Amino acid sequence: MHYLRFCSFRLHRVARSLCLSVRFPVSPTLQHRREGQLPARSSSRQVSAARGLSLWLVVWLVLVKPGPARGCPRLCVCYPSPMTVSCQSQNFTSVPAGVPYNSQRVFLQNNQITELRVDSFGFETQVLWLYSNNISWIEAGAFSELRELEELDLGDNPNLQRLEGGAFRGLEKLQSLHMHRCRLAVLPHDIFHKLYSLQFLYLQENQLHFLQDDLFSDLVNLSQLFLHGNRIRTLSENVFRGLVNLDRLLLHDNRIRQVNRKAFRDLGRLTMLFLFNNSLAELPGQVLRDVGAIEFLRLNGNPWSCGCEARPLWEFFRKSRVSSSELLCSSPAPRRGLDLRFLREMDFAICPLPDPGSLAGTTTTTFSTKTRWWFSKHKPVSSSKAVFSKSSETIKAFPFSAGKPLNPSTSSTSFSSKYEIGEEEAALPKLDAEEYWANYGNEDASLRCFELECPPGFDSPGLPPSSSSSSCSLLSLISLSVLVLSLHLLFG
């Protein structure tokens, strides 16, 4: 009220100065008064007219053309610089009316607001806080008039379990979006469409169990993505496509069991990756090669398998200088409790080479010709050696002593036998299936190597062993023909 009185006083002074500065044409009557020919009554009438004009000018300025400052909504507190409207904790069930149009910050948290419609916001603002309400529905385009909005906080709305596509349409200047603890189970594929300026996205502690491909593809300036505390199980190939400027990715406290080997291929600038407290048993080698700028890596709290499938991860830690947590092995039993990062190279000596073309990014156990040659040259010196028995699904390796294998159930290690032919493997000569498996357990048998895998002097300059048997067969045939011809001549 004092502020309005002050404005009225100022306007009155301005109007008075304007009236006094106006030069009215001098009437003959006033001219005669000045010359002493008329009484002073006419002069008082002119003064009254000037005062009346100034009063009407004040009324017009106040009512017809209001200034930028308006009254504050009921139960709210307003601050002029920057223009801030604070309506928090007042049990509002809808956005209050009367918020000044030129507001810069509007605080509506800790109320009972239930819906946000297209006509809910009749003002402009840069910061809008709506967290800790009872919002259960946001109409598509509800924020479309807030063209200058830079920060939107919708967190802690437990009834906001579903969002409509286009809910954030028009927020092309939005930089920070908070939607944590809203019990969101699914996100529409176009929910972040055209949010090119977004830098911070908070989606933690919801109930998300699946992230669609290209969900974040428009967020080319996103720097930090918080997805921890959800129920995500898998990370597909294109789930993070387009996030070329992402710096922090928090995925801990989920249920992630599988990560596609190409899931992080656009995250070349990622420096912080949290994957602890998930259900990961292995990570494809390609995943960590794609995040070459990583500085902080947290993988603890996962049931890591430290068999051959762990070799790509072990090699990554051996070559990188990243700050990481411990990686305790859960299997196999002899390595349980050991830190995967500190295993020795000899622990992977009998492991096959990883297949870079595997879709799941896991280590394959199909042994190529060069791997078989490696076994023939690096087999153990002791009398025990590895025997490989083939099945349709798995390849089991177990040592044996004195020619008798142990019980496979207690001493065998099973691997997945999925195999996709890589470029190098496709260039090798094809082997018959029987010949392929016949050499396992018989690494000393003669086996030709190919291309650059042959050690010096591997091939002898003489004929291969098969040439001697061919010569013997030819001599036998000639002898038999001579014998038949002789008998025909004798008994002809």
Protein backbone atom coordinates (compact mmCIF):
# COMPACT_ATOMS: atom_id res chain seq x y z
CA MET A 1 0.00 0.00 0.00
CA HIS A 2 2.82 2.38 0.84
CA TYR A 3 4.42 1.51 -2.48
CA LEU A 4 1.21 2.43 -4.37
CA ARG A 5 0.87 5.73 -2.47
CA PHE A 6 4.46 6.54 -3.35
CA CYS A 7 3.78 5.80 -7.05
CA SER A 8 0.62 7.99 -6.98
CA PHE A 9 2.55 10.85 -5.38
CA ARG A 10 5.26 10.62 -8.01
CA LEU A 11 2.73 10.49 -10.84
CA HIS A 12 0.92 13.52 -9.40
CA ARG A 13 4.14 15.50 -9.38
CA VAL A 14 4.90 14.45 -12.94
CA ALA A 15 1.39 15.43 -14.08
CA ARG A 16 1.61 18.78 -12.31
CA SER A 17 4.92 19.56 -13.92
CA LEU A 18 3.49 18.62 -17.31
CA CYS A 19 0.47 20.86 -16.78
CA LEU A 20 2.58 23.80 -15.70
CA SER A 21 4.87 23.37 -18.65
CA VAL A 22 2.00 23.52 -21.14
CA ARG A 23 1.54 26.95 -22.61
CA PHE A 24 -2.18 27.70 -23.10
CA PRO A 25 -3.22 30.52 -25.46
CA VAL A 26 -3.96 33.68 -23.56
CA SER A 27 -7.65 34.66 -23.84
CA PRO A 28 -8.76 38.29 -24.22
CA THR A 29 -10.39 38.12 -20.81
CA LEU A 30 -7.15 37.09 -19.12
CA GLN A 31 -5.33 39.79 -21.10
CA HIS A 32 -7.79 42.40 -19.85
CA ARG A 33 -7.34 41.12 -16.25
CA ARG A 34 -3.62 41.55 -16.51
CA GLU A 35 -4.24 45.10 -17.69
CA GLY A 36 -6.46 45.73 -14.61
CA GLN A 37 -9.72 45.91 -16.48
CA LEU A 38 -11.37 42.68 -14.99
CA PRO A 39 -11.66 41.27 -11.45
CA ALA A 40 -9.39 38.41 -10.11
CA ARG A 41 -12.31 35.87 -10.11
CA SER A 42 -11.39 34.77 -13.66
CA SER A 43 -7.83 34.01 -12.51
CA SER A 44 -9.03 31.58 -9.80
CA ARG A 45 -11.13 29.73 -12.38
CA GLN A 46 -8.05 29.16 -14.54
CA VAL A 47 -6.10 27.74 -11.58
CA SER A 48 -8.96 25.36 -10.73
CA ALA A 49 -9.07 24.13 -14.32
CA ALA A 50 -5.32 23.41 -14.26
CA ARG A 51 -5.66 21.41 -11.02
CA GLY A 52 -8.57 19.42 -12.43
CA LEU A 53 -6.58 18.56 -15.54
CA SER A 54 -3.64 17.28 -13.47
CA LEU A 55 -5.98 15.11 -11.38
CA TRP A 56 -7.52 13.50 -14.43
CA LEU A 57 -4.05 12.86 -15.85
CA VAL A 58 -3.04 11.02 -12.67
CA VAL A 59 -6.19 8.87 -12.82
CA TRP A 60 -5.52 8.03 -16.46
CA LEU A 61 -1.89 7.01 -15.79
CA VAL A 62 -2.90 4.77 -12.88
CA LEU A 63 -5.96 3.09 -14.34
CA VAL A 64 -5.60 3.13 -18.11
CA LYS A 65 -1.85 2.63 -18.57
CA PRO A 66 -0.50 0.77 -15.50
CA GLY A 67 3.24 0.64 -14.92
CA PRO A 68 5.36 -2.54 -14.94
CA ALA A 69 4.94 -3.13 -11.21
CA ARG A 70 1.70 -4.83 -10.20
CA GLY A 71 0.27 -6.12 -6.99
CA CYS A 72 1.54 -9.36 -5.50
CA PRO A 73 -0.81 -12.41 -5.49
CA ARG A 74 -2.62 -13.04 -2.26
CA LEU A 75 -0.61 -15.03 0.32
CA CYS A 76 2.58 -14.52 -1.71
CA VAL A 77 5.64 -12.39 -1.13
CA CYS A 78 7.23 -10.38 -3.94
CA TYR A 79 10.65 -8.84 -4.29
CA PRO A 80 11.41 -6.19 -6.91
CA SER A 81 14.99 -6.89 -7.97
CA PRO A 82 15.13 -9.37 -9.58
CA MET A 83 11.36 -9.66 -9.77
CA THR A 84 10.65 -12.69 -7.57
CA VAL A 85 7.28 -14.14 -6.57
CA SER A 86 7.40 -16.59 -3.66
CA CYS A 87 4.17 -18.53 -3.08
CA GLN A 88 5.60 -21.60 -1.38
CA SER A 89 3.85 -23.61 1.34
CA GLN A 90 0.47 -21.90 1.02
CA ASN A 91 -1.67 -24.95 0.10
CA PHE A 92 -2.46 -23.64 -3.37
CA THR A 93 -4.30 -26.25 -5.47
CA SER A 94 -3.61 -24.39 -8.73
CA VAL A 95 -1.20 -21.78 -10.00
CA PRO A 96 -2.32 -18.52 -8.33
CA ALA A 97 -3.59 -15.65 -10.44
CA GLY A 98 -2.04 -12.22 -10.41
CA VAL A 99 1.59 -13.19 -10.83
CA PRO A 100 3.31 -10.18 -12.45
CA TYR A 101 3.95 -10.76 -16.12
CA ASN A 102 7.57 -9.66 -15.98
CA SER A 103 8.54 -12.01 -13.13
CA GLN A 104 11.97 -13.59 -13.32
CA ARG A 105 11.65 -16.19 -10.57
CA VAL A 106 8.43 -17.89 -9.46
CA PHE A 107 8.52 -20.27 -6.48
CA LEU A 108 5.46 -22.53 -6.11
CA GLN A 109 6.97 -25.49 -4.25
CA ASN A 110 5.40 -27.30 -1.28
CA ASN A 111 1.80 -26.69 -2.30
CA GLN A 112 -1.09 -28.93 -3.37
CA ILE A 113 -1.15 -28.16 -7.10
CA THR A 114 -2.60 -31.13 -9.01
CA GLU A 115 -2.63 -30.15 -12.71
CA LEU A 116 -0.74 -27.99 -15.13
CA ARG A 117 -2.71 -26.83 -18.16
CA VAL A 118 -1.92 -24.70 -21.19
CA ASP A 119 -3.52 -21.64 -19.55
CA SER A 120 -1.91 -22.13 -16.13
CA PHE A 121 0.88 -19.64 -16.72
CA GLY A 122 -0.04 -16.11 -17.71
CA PHE A 123 3.39 -14.68 -17.09
CA GLU A 124 7.01 -14.85 -18.18
CA THR A 125 9.75 -16.23 -15.96
CA GLN A 126 13.23 -17.71 -16.14
CA VAL A 127 13.03 -19.93 -13.05
CA LEU A 128 9.96 -21.98 -12.08
CA TRP A 129 9.94 -24.27 -9.05
CA LEU A 130 7.02 -26.69 -8.72
CA TYR A 131 8.61 -29.46 -6.67
CA SER A 132 6.87 -31.18 -3.75
CA ASN A 133 3.30 -30.74 -5.02
CA ASN A 134 0.62 -33.28 -5.96
CA ILE A 135 0.93 -32.87 -9.73
CA SER A 136 -0.52 -35.88 -11.51
CA TRP A 137 -1.07 -34.51 -15.03
CA ILE A 138 0.76 -32.09 -17.31
CA GLU A 139 -1.07 -31.14 -20.48
CA ALA A 140 0.91 -31.19 -23.71
CA GLY A 141 2.17 -27.67 -24.34
CA ALA A 142 1.52 -26.52 -20.77
CA PHE A 143 4.81 -24.59 -20.74
CA SER A 144 4.70 -23.42 -24.35
CA GLU A 145 4.22 -19.75 -23.37
CA LEU A 146 7.27 -19.74 -21.09
CA ARG A 147 9.70 -19.04 -23.90
CA GLU A 148 12.36 -17.59 -21.61
CA LEU A 149 12.30 -20.42 -19.05
CA GLU A 150 15.76 -21.72 -18.15
CA GLU A 151 15.16 -23.84 -15.05
CA LEU A 152 12.13 -26.06 -14.33
CA ASP A 153 11.89 -28.15 -11.16
CA LEU A 154 9.14 -30.79 -11.06
CA GLY A 155 10.83 -33.11 -8.59
CA ASP A 156 9.17 -34.86 -5.65
CA ASN A 157 5.76 -35.17 -7.29
CA PRO A 158 5.01 -38.84 -6.51
CA ASN A 159 1.72 -38.83 -8.41
CA LEU A 160 3.35 -37.77 -11.68
CA GLN A 161 3.67 -41.33 -12.96
CA ARG A 162 3.14 -40.54 -16.64
CA LEU A 163 4.03 -37.72 -19.01
CA GLU A 164 2.40 -36.84 -22.31
CA GLY A 165 4.49 -36.36 -25.42
CA GLY A 166 5.08 -32.67 -26.00
CA ALA A 167 4.79 -31.77 -22.33
CA PHE A 168 7.89 -29.58 -22.64
CA ARG A 169 7.16 -28.24 -26.09
CA GLY A 170 8.48 -24.72 -26.70
CA LEU A 171 11.13 -24.73 -23.96
CA GLU A 172 14.02 -24.25 -26.35
CA LYS A 173 15.97 -22.15 -23.82
CA LEU A 174 15.57 -24.62 -20.96
CA GLN A 175 18.93 -25.49 -19.38
CA SER A 176 18.00 -27.49 -16.27
CA LEU A 177 15.11 -29.97 -15.87
CA HIS A 178 14.39 -31.73 -12.57
CA MET A 179 12.06 -34.75 -12.53
CA HIS A 180 13.51 -36.81 -9.68
CA ARG A 181 11.33 -38.89 -7.36
CA CYS A 182 8.19 -38.73 -9.49
CA ARG A 183 7.59 -42.50 -9.86
CA LEU A 184 7.88 -42.23 -13.62
CA ALA A 185 7.69 -45.69 -15.18
CA VAL A 186 8.14 -44.77 -18.84
CA LEU A 187 9.15 -41.73 -20.89
CA PRO A 188 7.53 -40.90 -24.26
CA HIS A 189 9.93 -41.08 -27.18
CA ASP A 190 9.52 -37.36 -27.98
CA ILE A 191 9.50 -36.00 -24.43
CA PHE A 192 12.83 -34.18 -24.93
CA HIS A 193 12.23 -33.14 -28.52
CA LYS A 194 14.00 -29.89 -29.50
CA LEU A 195 15.38 -29.19 -26.01
CA TYR A 196 18.67 -28.21 -27.61
CA SER A 197 19.83 -25.98 -24.73
CA LEU A 198 19.34 -28.53 -21.96
CA GLN A 199 22.50 -29.11 -19.90
CA PHE A 200 21.29 -30.84 -16.72
CA LEU A 201 18.69 -33.62 -16.61
CA TYR A 202 17.67 -35.16 -13.29
CA LEU A 203 15.70 -38.42 -13.61
CA GLN A 204 16.99 -40.26 -10.56
CA GLU A 205 14.90 -42.29 -8.13
CA ASN A 206 11.98 -43.00 -10.43
CA GLN A 207 10.67 -46.38 -11.60
CA LEU A 208 12.10 -46.39 -15.11
CA HIS A 209 12.79 -49.92 -16.29
CA PHE A 210 13.52 -49.21 -19.95
CA LEU A 211 15.05 -46.39 -21.99
CA GLN A 212 14.01 -46.14 -25.63
CA ASP A 213 16.50 -45.74 -28.44
CA ASP A 214 17.22 -42.11 -29.38
CA LEU A 215 15.39 -40.84 -26.31
CA PHE A 216 18.10 -38.22 -25.75
CA SER A 217 19.13 -37.66 -29.38
CA ASP A 218 18.20 -33.94 -29.39
CA LEU A 219 20.11 -33.15 -26.20
CA VAL A 220 23.34 -32.28 -27.96
CA ASN A 221 24.42 -29.88 -25.18
CA LEU A 222 23.57 -32.12 -22.24
CA SER A 223 26.42 -32.20 -19.73
CA GLN A 224 25.06 -34.20 -16.80
CA LEU A 225 22.53 -37.05 -16.86
CA PHE A 226 21.29 -38.56 -13.60
CA LEU A 227 19.55 -41.93 -13.96
CA HIS A 228 20.50 -43.63 -10.70
CA GLY A 229 17.97 -45.29 -8.43
CA ASN A 230 15.71 -46.65 -11.18
CA ARG A 231 14.96 -50.19 -12.42
CA ILE A 232 16.82 -50.16 -15.72
CA ARG A 233 17.90 -53.64 -16.85
CA THR A 234 19.64 -53.19 -20.20
CA LEU A 235 21.41 -50.46 -22.15
CA SER A 236 20.73 -50.83 -25.86
CA GLU A 237 22.93 -49.78 -28.76
CA ASN A 238 21.33 -46.37 -29.43
CA VAL A 239 20.13 -45.40 -25.98
CA PHE A 240 22.70 -42.59 -25.56
CA ARG A 241 23.06 -41.61 -29.19
CA GLY A 242 23.54 -37.88 -29.70
CA LEU A 243 24.97 -37.10 -26.25
CA VAL A 244 28.26 -35.91 -27.68
CA ASN A 245 28.92 -33.39 -24.88
CA LEU A 246 27.95 -35.55 -21.92
CA ASP A 247 30.40 -35.23 -19.03
CA ARG A 248 28.73 -37.16 -16.19
CA LEU A 249 26.55 -40.26 -16.42
CA LEU A 250 25.17 -41.74 -13.21
CA LEU A 251 23.60 -45.19 -13.59
CA HIS A 252 24.26 -46.70 -10.18
CA ASP A 253 21.62 -48.43 -8.05
CA ASN A 254 19.75 -49.91 -11.01
CA ARG A 255 19.33 -53.52 -12.16
CA ILE A 256 21.54 -53.39 -15.23
CA ARG A 257 22.60 -56.84 -16.40
CA GLN A 258 23.72 -56.17 -19.96
CA VAL A 259 25.38 -53.28 -21.77
CA ASN A 260 25.54 -53.32 -25.54
CA ARG A 261 29.08 -52.95 -26.80
CA LYS A 262 28.10 -49.81 -28.78
CA ALA A 263 25.99 -48.19 -26.07
CA PHE A 264 28.64 -45.55 -25.23
CA ARG A 265 30.01 -44.87 -28.70
CA ASP A 266 28.93 -41.18 -28.68
CA LEU A 267 30.26 -40.51 -25.19
CA GLY A 268 33.79 -39.55 -26.14
CA ARG A 269 33.83 -36.63 -23.66
CA LEU A 270 32.52 -38.58 -20.68
CA THR A 271 34.73 -38.14 -17.60
CA MET A 272 32.55 -39.69 -14.86
CA LEU A 273 30.69 -43.02 -15.12
CA PHE A 274 28.96 -44.62 -12.14
CA LEU A 275 27.71 -48.20 -12.62
CA PHE A 276 28.05 -49.52 -9.08
CA ASN A 277 25.34 -51.55 -7.33
CA ASN A 278 23.93 -53.19 -10.44
CA SER A 279 23.80 -56.79 -11.68
CA LEU A 280 26.72 -56.69 -14.11
CA ALA A 281 28.84 -59.82 -14.46
CA GLU A 282 30.91 -58.51 -17.37
CA LEU A 283 31.44 -55.45 -19.57
CA PRO A 284 32.27 -55.57 -23.28
CA GLY A 285 35.72 -54.29 -24.07
CA GLN A 286 34.36 -51.90 -26.69
CA VAL A 287 32.26 -50.08 -24.07
CA LEU A 288 35.25 -48.73 -22.20
CA ARG A 289 37.31 -48.11 -25.31
CA ASP A 290 34.62 -45.66 -26.47
CA VAL A 291 34.94 -43.55 -23.31
CA GLY A 292 38.58 -42.63 -23.73
CA ALA A 293 38.31 -39.46 -21.62
CA ILE A 294 37.00 -41.28 -18.53
CA GLU A 295 38.56 -40.15 -15.24
CA PHE A 296 36.24 -41.53 -12.55
CA LEU A 297 34.83 -45.04 -12.91
CA ARG A 298 32.82 -46.78 -10.21
CA LEU A 299 31.97 -50.45 -10.83
CA ASN A 300 31.84 -51.89 -7.32
CA GLY A 301 28.83 -53.77 -6.00
CA ASN A 302 28.42 -55.98 -9.10
CA PRO A 303 28.72 -59.81 -9.27
CA TRP A 304 31.78 -59.80 -11.53
CA SER A 305 32.70 -63.03 -13.28
CA CYS A 306 36.48 -63.26 -13.44
CA GLY A 307 36.81 -66.01 -16.02
CA CYS A 308 37.83 -65.44 -19.61
CA GLU A 309 34.94 -63.03 -20.13
CA ALA A 310 36.68 -60.58 -17.76
CA ARG A 311 39.79 -60.25 -19.88
CA PRO A 312 38.68 -57.10 -21.83
CA LEU A 313 37.89 -55.31 -18.57
CA TRP A 314 41.16 -56.46 -17.01
CA GLU A 315 43.13 -55.22 -20.02
CA PHE A 316 41.39 -51.85 -19.79
CA PHE A 317 42.51 -51.34 -16.20
CA ARG A 318 46.01 -52.52 -17.01
CA LYS A 319 46.43 -49.83 -19.70
CA SER A 320 44.41 -46.91 -18.28
CA ARG A 321 45.07 -44.55 -15.38
CA VAL A 322 41.50 -44.08 -14.28
CA SER A 323 40.32 -43.53 -10.72
CA SER A 324 38.22 -46.60 -9.96
CA SER A 325 36.68 -48.58 -7.16
CA GLU A 326 37.41 -52.20 -6.35
CA LEU A 327 35.98 -54.96 -8.54
CA LEU A 328 35.55 -58.05 -6.39
CA CYS A 329 35.13 -61.34 -8.23
CA SER A 330 32.05 -63.45 -7.52
CA SER A 331 33.06 -66.36 -9.75
CA PRO A 332 34.71 -68.74 -10.41
CA ALA A 333 35.11 -70.08 -6.91
CA PRO A 334 38.96 -70.03 -6.81
CA ARG A 335 38.93 -66.27 -7.55
CA ARG A 336 36.00 -65.28 -5.38
CA GLY A 337 36.85 -62.20 -3.34
CA LEU A 338 39.84 -61.23 -5.49
CA ASP A 339 40.03 -57.82 -7.15
CA LEU A 340 39.64 -58.23 -10.90
CA ARG A 341 42.01 -55.32 -11.55
CA PHE A 342 44.93 -57.14 -9.93
CA LEU A 343 44.67 -60.52 -11.62
CA ARG A 344 47.78 -61.76 -13.40
CA GLU A 345 48.22 -62.26 -17.10
CA MET A 346 48.80 -65.96 -16.60
CA ASP A 347 45.27 -66.18 -15.14
CA PHE A 348 44.00 -65.65 -18.71
CA ALA A 349 46.64 -67.78 -20.45
CA ILE A 350 44.24 -70.48 -21.65
CA CYS A 351 41.53 -68.00 -22.65
CA PRO A 352 40.54 -67.65 -26.31
CA LEU A 353 40.89 -64.38 -28.11
CA PRO A 354 37.89 -62.04 -27.74
CA ASP A 355 35.70 -61.61 -30.77
CA PRO A 356 35.36 -57.89 -31.61
CA GLY A 357 32.24 -58.53 -33.68
CA SER A 358 30.12 -60.06 -30.96
CA LEU A 359 26.77 -58.29 -30.65
CA ALA A 360 26.72 -58.63 -26.91
CA GLY A 361 30.35 -57.72 -26.65
CA THR A 362 31.20 -60.85 -24.70
CA THR A 363 34.24 -63.02 -25.11
CA THR A 364 33.80 -65.81 -27.62
CA THR A 365 35.29 -69.23 -27.21
CA THR A 366 35.42 -70.43 -30.78
CA PHE A 367 39.11 -71.02 -31.36
CA SER A 368 40.55 -69.72 -34.60
CA THR A 369 43.53 -71.30 -36.38
CA LYS A 370 45.93 -68.77 -34.90
CA THR A 371 44.65 -69.59 -31.40
CA ARG A 372 45.24 -73.28 -32.02
CA TRP A 373 48.75 -72.48 -33.16
CA TRP A 374 49.25 -70.49 -29.93
CA PHE A 375 48.20 -73.52 -27.92
CA SER A 376 50.66 -75.72 -29.79
CA LYS A 377 53.53 -73.39 -28.89
CA HIS A 378 52.51 -72.34 -25.37
CA LYS A 379 51.09 -75.49 -23.87
CA PRO A 380 52.07 -76.27 -20.26
CA VAL A 381 55.37 -78.05 -19.69
CA SER A 382 53.82 -80.51 -17.22
CA SER A 383 52.25 -83.76 -18.29
CA SER A 384 48.75 -82.42 -17.82
CA LYS A 385 47.18 -80.63 -20.75
CA ALA A 386 43.82 -79.13 -21.69
CA VAL A 387 41.22 -81.24 -23.39
CA PHE A 388 38.28 -79.55 -25.12
CA SER A 389 35.03 -81.41 -25.61
CA LYS A 390 32.55 -79.99 -28.08
CA SER A 391 28.83 -79.62 -27.53
CA SER A 392 26.16 -77.74 -29.42
CA GLU A 393 25.92 -74.93 -26.87
CA THR A 394 29.08 -74.73 -24.77
CA ILE A 395 32.76 -75.53 -24.84
CA LYS A 396 34.11 -76.98 -21.61
CA ALA A 397 37.77 -77.01 -20.72
CA PHE A 398 39.14 -79.20 -17.93
CA PRO A 399 42.61 -80.49 -17.11
CA PHE A 400 43.28 -84.14 -16.64
CA SER A 401 46.13 -86.22 -15.29
CA ALA A 402 47.42 -89.60 -16.48
CA GLY A 403 44.97 -89.66 -19.35
CA LYS A 404 41.78 -89.56 -17.25
CA PRO A 405 39.66 -86.41 -17.09
CA LEU A 406 38.30 -85.13 -13.81
CA ASN A 407 34.65 -84.59 -13.14
CA PRO A 408 33.58 -81.74 -15.42
CA SER A 409 30.98 -80.58 -12.94
CA THR A 410 33.65 -79.65 -10.41
CA SER A 411 36.56 -78.55 -12.55
CA SER A 412 35.11 -77.27 -15.79
CA THR A 413 34.56 -73.74 -16.92
CA SER A 414 31.74 -73.11 -19.37
CA PHE A 415 31.68 -70.35 -21.92
CA SER A 416 29.17 -69.14 -24.43
CA SER A 417 29.95 -70.40 -27.92
CA LYS A 418 28.31 -67.63 -29.96
CA TYR A 419 30.54 -66.79 -32.86
CA GLU A 420 30.53 -64.20 -35.61
CA ILE A 421 33.20 -64.21 -38.28
CA GLY A 422 35.45 -61.18 -38.16
CA GLU A 423 37.39 -59.76 -41.08
CA GLU A 424 40.62 -61.52 -40.16
CA GLU A 425 38.88 -64.84 -39.63
CA ALA A 426 36.96 -64.55 -42.89
CA ALA A 427 40.27 -64.22 -44.77
CA LEU A 428 41.59 -67.52 -43.42
CA PRO A 429 41.16 -70.77 -45.39
CA LYS A 430 38.04 -72.69 -44.46
CA LEU A 431 38.43 -75.89 -42.48
CA ASP A 432 36.16 -78.87 -42.42
CA ALA A 433 34.24 -79.22 -39.18
CA GLU A 434 35.71 -82.63 -38.42
CA GLU A 435 39.22 -81.45 -39.15
CA TYR A 436 38.57 -78.35 -37.02
CA TRP A 437 37.67 -80.33 -33.91
CA ALA A 438 40.05 -83.23 -34.56
CA ASN A 439 43.08 -81.13 -33.64
CA TYR A 440 41.87 -80.27 -30.13
CA GLY A 441 43.84 -82.32 -27.63
CA ASN A 442 46.42 -83.08 -30.35
CA GLU A 443 48.31 -79.80 -30.61
CA ASP A 444 51.51 -81.61 -31.63
CA ALA A 445 49.93 -82.85 -34.85
CA SER A 446 51.11 -81.25 -38.05
CA LEU A 447 49.09 -78.09 -38.67
CA ARG A 448 49.87 -75.46 -41.25
CA CYS A 449 49.71 -71.85 -40.15
CA PHE A 450 48.57 -68.92 -42.24
CA GLU A 451 49.78 -65.46 -43.13
CA LEU A 452 51.73 -63.62 -40.41
CA GLU A 453 50.98 -66.11 -37.65
CA CYS A 454 53.72 -68.51 -38.75
CA PRO A 455 56.96 -68.36 -36.72
CA PRO A 456 60.27 -68.38 -38.63
CA GLY A 457 61.13 -71.81 -39.99
CA PHE A 458 57.70 -73.21 -39.21
CA ASP A 459 57.17 -74.73 -42.66
CA SER A 460 59.84 -77.20 -43.91
CA PRO A 461 61.09 -76.70 -47.47
CA GLY A 462 60.37 -80.30 -48.37
CA LEU A 463 57.11 -81.84 -49.45
CA PRO A 464 54.27 -82.03 -46.97
CA PRO A 465 53.62 -85.38 -45.28
CA SER A 466 50.77 -86.16 -47.63
CA SER A 467 53.17 -86.32 -50.67
CA SER A 468 54.86 -89.55 -49.45
CA SER A 469 51.57 -91.37 -49.10
CA SER A 470 50.59 -90.26 -52.62
CA SER A 471 53.86 -91.70 -54.03
CA CYS A 472 53.26 -95.05 -52.31
CA SER A 473 49.76 -95.23 -53.70
CA LEU A 474 51.02 -94.56 -57.22
CA LEU A 475 53.71 -97.30 -57.02
CA SER A 476 51.17 -99.80 -55.73
CA LEU A 477 48.86 -99.03 -58.61
CA ILE A 478 51.65 -99.48 -61.17
CA SER A 479 52.74 -102.79 -59.61
CA LEU A 480 49.19 -104.11 -59.64
CA SER A 481 48.80 -103.13 -63.31
CA VAL A 482 52.04 -104.93 -64.28
CA LEU A 483 50.93 -108.06 -62.40
CA VAL A 484 47.54 -108.13 -64.14
CA LEU A 485 49.18 -107.64 -67.53
CA SER A 486 51.65 -110.50 -66.89
CA LEU A 487 48.90 -112.92 -65.89
CA HIS A 488 46.94 -111.99 -68.99
CA LEU A 489 49.94 -112.76 -71.25
CA LEU A 490 50.71 -116.07 -69.51
CA PHE A 491 47.25 -117.50 -69.43
CA GLY A 492 45.86 -115.43 -72.27
